[in-house]
């Protein structure tokens, strides 16, 4: 079980391979999800993600523990970046393992819904028109409420 909040880019292949290698022989499923900075309107110069060190890690550790309690997981990785990023850069990664795929998929989706709507990160987008904070979206909250 690992929670990492970092400013540095990460190597998706290396992270996924290391996670898989650490599972041993008892896990039948490994699910990974990677979030990427998107340029929806075609004018994004950068996105900046802020957080409070210490508080953020504790919040992610608590949601990771909820996922372990709810699903039969072997392992969990939550990796989230902060700082300034450009379009197409990886923001975050979630990996889950379990004996059966349903638990691994559901736990990963649960963690993603939490990260998208409740994790203590604040996002600011920079465009040619200026900078602005990204507002919460109702559909992200709705996704979390189903759990």
C-alpha atoms as a PDB file:
ATOM      1  CA  UNK A   1       0.000   0.000   0.000  1.00  0.00           C
ATOM      2  CA  UNK A   2       1.512   3.298  -1.050  1.00  0.00           C
ATOM      3  CA  UNK A   3       0.446   6.911  -1.363  1.00  0.00           C
ATOM      4  CA  UNK A   4       2.865   9.274  -3.087  1.00  0.00           C
ATOM      5  CA  UNK A   5       2.352  12.986  -3.752  1.00  0.00           C
ATOM      6  CA  UNK A   6       5.174  14.423  -5.825  1.00  0.00           C
ATOM      7  CA  UNK A   7       6.044  17.233  -8.204  1.00  0.00           C
ATOM      8  CA  UNK A   8       8.264  15.126 -10.473  1.00  0.00           C
ATOM      9  CA  UNK A   9       6.919  13.331 -13.561  1.00  0.00           C
ATOM     10  CA  UNK A  10       6.667   9.559 -13.260  1.00  0.00           C
ATOM     11  CA  UNK A  11       7.380   6.720 -15.643  1.00  0.00           C
ATOM     12  CA  UNK A  12       4.065   4.927 -16.135  1.00  0.00           C
ATOM     13  CA  UNK A  13       5.653   1.731 -17.446  1.00  0.00           C
ATOM     14  CA  UNK A  14       8.153   1.525 -14.611  1.00  0.00           C
ATOM     15  CA  UNK A  15       5.472   2.238 -11.991  1.00  0.00           C
ATOM     16  CA  UNK A  16       3.062  -0.359 -13.425  1.00  0.00           C
ATOM     17  CA  UNK A  17       5.802  -2.970 -13.780  1.00  0.00           C
ATOM     18  CA  UNK A  18       7.065  -2.409 -10.232  1.00  0.00           C
ATOM     19  CA  UNK A  19       3.526  -2.636  -8.868  1.00  0.00           C
ATOM     20  CA  UNK A  20       2.880  -5.873 -10.781  1.00  0.00           C
ATOM     21  CA  UNK A  21       6.198  -7.398  -9.726  1.00  0.00           C
ATOM     22  CA  UNK A  22       5.431  -6.755  -6.054  1.00  0.00           C
ATOM     23  CA  UNK A  23       2.179  -8.745  -6.134  1.00  0.00           C
ATOM     24  CA  UNK A  24       3.529 -12.272  -5.833  1.00  0.00           C
ATOM     25  CA  UNK A  25       1.452 -15.194  -7.061  1.00  0.00           C
ATOM     26  CA  UNK A  26      -1.857 -14.730  -5.280  1.00  0.00           C
ATOM     27  CA  UNK A  27      -3.325 -11.869  -7.264  1.00  0.00           C
ATOM     28  CA  UNK A  28      -5.388 -12.615 -10.372  1.00  0.00           C
ATOM     29  CA  UNK A  29      -6.054  -9.000 -11.374  1.00  0.00           C
ATOM     30  CA  UNK A  30      -4.123  -5.747 -11.592  1.00  0.00           C
ATOM     31  CA  UNK A  31      -5.908  -2.587 -12.696  1.00  0.00           C
ATOM     32  CA  UNK A  32      -4.171   0.700 -13.435  1.00  0.00           C
ATOM     33  CA  UNK A  33      -5.578   4.074 -14.359  1.00  0.00           C
ATOM     34  CA  UNK A  34      -3.602   7.137 -15.355  1.00  0.00           C
ATOM     35  CA  UNK A  35      -4.976  10.680 -15.466  1.00  0.00           C
ATOM     36  CA  UNK A  36      -3.580  13.085 -18.048  1.00  0.00           C
ATOM     37  CA  UNK A  37      -3.845  16.883 -18.353  1.00  0.00           C
ATOM     38  CA  UNK A  38      -6.364  17.551 -21.116  1.00  0.00           C
ATOM     39  CA  UNK A  39      -6.670  20.580 -23.277  1.00  0.00           C
ATOM     40  CA  UNK A  40     -10.439  20.486 -23.764  1.00  0.00           C
ATOM     41  CA  UNK A  41     -10.876  23.870 -25.418  1.00  0.00           C
ATOM     42  CA  UNK A  42      -7.584  23.860 -27.309  1.00  0.00           C
ATOM     43  CA  UNK A  43      -6.120  26.871 -25.493  1.00  0.00           C
ATOM     44  CA  UNK A  44      -4.545  25.477 -22.339  1.00  0.00           C
ATOM     45  CA  UNK A  45      -1.020  26.754 -21.681  1.00  0.00           C
ATOM     46  CA  UNK A  46      -0.623  24.908 -18.375  1.00  0.00           C
ATOM     47  CA  UNK A  47      -2.396  23.538 -15.321  1.00  0.00           C
ATOM     48  CA  UNK A  48      -1.105  24.083 -11.825  1.00  0.00           C
ATOM     49  CA  UNK A  49      -2.103  21.788  -8.973  1.00  0.00           C
ATOM     50  CA  UNK A  50      -1.712  22.919  -5.372  1.00  0.00           C
ATOM     51  CA  UNK A  51      -2.074  20.959  -2.128  1.00  0.00           C
ATOM     52  CA  UNK A  52      -1.250  21.118   1.579  1.00  0.00           C
ATOM     53  CA  UNK A  53       1.611  18.705   2.352  1.00  0.00           C
ATOM     54  CA  UNK A  54       0.748  16.343   5.158  1.00  0.00           C
ATOM     55  CA  UNK A  55      -2.991  16.951   4.947  1.00  0.00           C
ATOM     56  CA  UNK A  56      -3.184  15.637   1.396  1.00  0.00           C
ATOM     57  CA  UNK A  57      -1.266  12.457   2.151  1.00  0.00           C
ATOM     58  CA  UNK A  58      -3.413  11.736   5.225  1.00  0.00           C
ATOM     59  CA  UNK A  59      -6.608  12.197   3.208  1.00  0.00           C
ATOM     60  CA  UNK A  60      -5.356   9.836   0.488  1.00  0.00           C
ATOM     61  CA  UNK A  61      -4.247   7.269   3.060  1.00  0.00           C
ATOM     62  CA  UNK A  62      -7.731   7.350   4.608  1.00  0.00           C
ATOM     63  CA  UNK A  63      -9.484   6.758   1.277  1.00  0.00           C
ATOM     64  CA  UNK A  64      -6.995   4.013   0.436  1.00  0.00           C
ATOM     65  CA  UNK A  65      -7.844   2.317   3.765  1.00  0.00           C
ATOM     66  CA  UNK A  66     -11.573   2.581   2.940  1.00  0.00           C
ATOM     67  CA  UNK A  67     -10.961   0.858  -0.395  1.00  0.00           C
ATOM     68  CA  UNK A  68      -8.987  -1.943   1.308  1.00  0.00           C
ATOM     69  CA  UNK A  69     -11.782  -2.414   3.869  1.00  0.00           C
ATOM     70  CA  UNK A  70     -14.479  -2.532   1.211  1.00  0.00           C
ATOM     71  CA  UNK A  71     -12.836  -4.734  -1.427  1.00  0.00           C
ATOM     72  CA  UNK A  72     -10.545  -7.744  -1.205  1.00  0.00           C
ATOM     73  CA  UNK A  73      -7.402  -5.968  -2.336  1.00  0.00           C
ATOM     74  CA  UNK A  74      -3.872  -7.234  -2.291  1.00  0.00           C
ATOM     75  CA  UNK A  75      -2.249  -3.869  -2.849  1.00  0.00           C
ATOM     76  CA  UNK A  76      -2.979  -0.233  -3.769  1.00  0.00           C
ATOM     77  CA  UNK A  77      -0.891   2.563  -5.238  1.00  0.00           C
ATOM     78  CA  UNK A  78      -2.076   6.172  -5.382  1.00  0.00           C
ATOM     79  CA  UNK A  79       0.397   8.511  -7.064  1.00  0.00           C
ATOM     80  CA  UNK A  80      -0.583  12.163  -7.618  1.00  0.00           C
ATOM     81  CA  UNK A  81       1.483  15.054  -8.892  1.00  0.00           C
ATOM     82  CA  UNK A  82       1.358  18.720  -7.988  1.00  0.00           C
ATOM     83  CA  UNK A  83       2.926  21.778  -9.547  1.00  0.00           C
ATOM     84  CA  UNK A  84       2.773  23.129 -13.080  1.00  0.00           C
ATOM     85  CA  UNK A  85       2.019  20.730 -15.954  1.00  0.00           C
ATOM     86  CA  UNK A  86       1.306  21.024 -19.644  1.00  0.00           C
ATOM     87  CA  UNK A  87      -1.333  19.239 -21.715  1.00  0.00           C
ATOM     88  CA  UNK A  88      -0.667  15.514 -22.181  1.00  0.00           C
ATOM     89  CA  UNK A  89       1.452  15.245 -19.017  1.00  0.00           C
ATOM     90  CA  UNK A  90       0.428  12.560 -16.543  1.00  0.00           C
ATOM     91  CA  UNK A  91      -1.174  13.933 -13.381  1.00  0.00           C
ATOM     92  CA  UNK A  92      -1.863  10.779 -11.435  1.00  0.00           C
ATOM     93  CA  UNK A  93      -1.978   7.007 -11.333  1.00  0.00           C
ATOM     94  CA  UNK A  94      -4.026   4.506  -9.364  1.00  0.00           C
ATOM     95  CA  UNK A  95      -3.195   0.800  -9.285  1.00  0.00           C
ATOM     96  CA  UNK A  96      -5.091  -1.932  -7.473  1.00  0.00           C
ATOM     97  CA  UNK A  97      -4.602  -5.678  -7.235  1.00  0.00           C
ATOM     98  CA  UNK A  98      -6.943  -8.396  -6.057  1.00  0.00           C
ATOM     99  CA  UNK A  99      -7.600 -12.092  -6.443  1.00  0.00           C
ATOM    100  CA  UNK A 100     -10.508 -11.305  -8.787  1.00  0.00           C
ATOM    101  CA  UNK A 101     -10.952  -8.550 -11.371  1.00  0.00           C
ATOM    102  CA  UNK A 102     -14.242  -7.149 -10.050  1.00  0.00           C
ATOM    103  CA  UNK A 103     -12.676  -6.002  -6.776  1.00  0.00           C
ATOM    104  CA  UNK A 104      -9.663  -4.492  -8.549  1.00  0.00           C
ATOM    105  CA  UNK A 105     -11.825  -2.607 -11.078  1.00  0.00           C
ATOM    106  CA  UNK A 106     -14.376  -1.342  -8.538  1.00  0.00           C
ATOM    107  CA  UNK A 107     -11.730  -0.229  -6.050  1.00  0.00           C
ATOM    108  CA  UNK A 108      -9.797   1.631  -8.754  1.00  0.00           C
ATOM    109  CA  UNK A 109     -12.968   3.363  -9.924  1.00  0.00           C
ATOM    110  CA  UNK A 110     -13.911   4.286  -6.346  1.00  0.00           C
ATOM    111  CA  UNK A 111     -10.454   5.769  -5.763  1.00  0.00           C
ATOM    112  CA  UNK A 112     -10.632   7.718  -9.020  1.00  0.00           C
ATOM    113  CA  UNK A 113     -14.052   9.135  -8.163  1.00  0.00           C
ATOM    114  CA  UNK A 114     -12.703  10.262  -4.781  1.00  0.00           C
ATOM    115  CA  UNK A 115      -9.574  11.804  -6.318  1.00  0.00           C
ATOM    116  CA  UNK A 116     -11.642  13.680  -8.884  1.00  0.00           C
ATOM    117  CA  UNK A 117     -14.180  15.156  -6.460  1.00  0.00           C
ATOM    118  CA  UNK A 118     -12.877  15.197  -2.875  1.00  0.00           C
ATOM    119  CA  UNK A 119      -9.113  14.877  -2.685  1.00  0.00           C
ATOM    120  CA  UNK A 120      -7.560  18.082  -1.336  1.00  0.00           C
ATOM    121  CA  UNK A 121      -5.987  19.313  -4.564  1.00  0.00           C
ATOM    122  CA  UNK A 122      -6.732  22.665  -6.177  1.00  0.00           C
ATOM    123  CA  UNK A 123      -6.335  23.131  -9.931  1.00  0.00           C
ATOM    124  CA  UNK A 124      -5.707  26.348 -11.789  1.00  0.00           C
ATOM    125  CA  UNK A 125      -5.741  26.548 -15.580  1.00  0.00           C
ATOM    126  CA  UNK A 126      -3.632  29.023 -17.526  1.00  0.00           C
ATOM    127  CA  UNK A 127      -4.808  30.110 -20.980  1.00  0.00           C
ATOM    128  CA  UNK A 128      -4.174  33.077 -23.278  1.00  0.00           C
ATOM    129  CA  UNK A 129      -7.166  34.758 -21.595  1.00  0.00           C
ATOM    130  CA  UNK A 130      -5.632  34.442 -18.123  1.00  0.00           C
ATOM    131  CA  UNK A 131      -5.715  32.073 -15.167  1.00  0.00           C
ATOM    132  CA  UNK A 132      -8.692  30.588 -13.356  1.00  0.00           C
ATOM    133  CA  UNK A 133      -9.441  27.974 -10.740  1.00  0.00           C
ATOM    134  CA  UNK A 134     -11.164  24.818 -11.953  1.00  0.00           C
ATOM    135  CA  UNK A 135     -14.625  24.521 -10.386  1.00  0.00           C
ATOM    136  CA  UNK A 136     -16.071  21.299  -9.041  1.00  0.00           C
ATOM    137  CA  UNK A 137     -18.390  19.537 -11.471  1.00  0.00           C
ATOM    138  CA  UNK A 138     -21.735  18.019 -10.523  1.00  0.00           C
ATOM    139  CA  UNK A 139     -21.057  14.850 -12.520  1.00  0.00           C
ATOM    140  CA  UNK A 140     -17.877  14.197 -10.518  1.00  0.00           C
ATOM    141  CA  UNK A 141     -19.811  14.499  -7.266  1.00  0.00           C
ATOM    142  CA  UNK A 142     -22.578  12.260  -8.656  1.00  0.00           C
ATOM    143  CA  UNK A 143     -19.995   9.617  -9.531  1.00  0.00           C
ATOM    144  CA  UNK A 144     -18.686   9.565  -5.959  1.00  0.00           C
ATOM    145  CA  UNK A 145     -22.190   9.487  -4.472  1.00  0.00           C
ATOM    146  CA  UNK A 146     -22.940   6.124  -6.091  1.00  0.00           C
ATOM    147  CA  UNK A 147     -20.469   4.444  -3.749  1.00  0.00           C
END
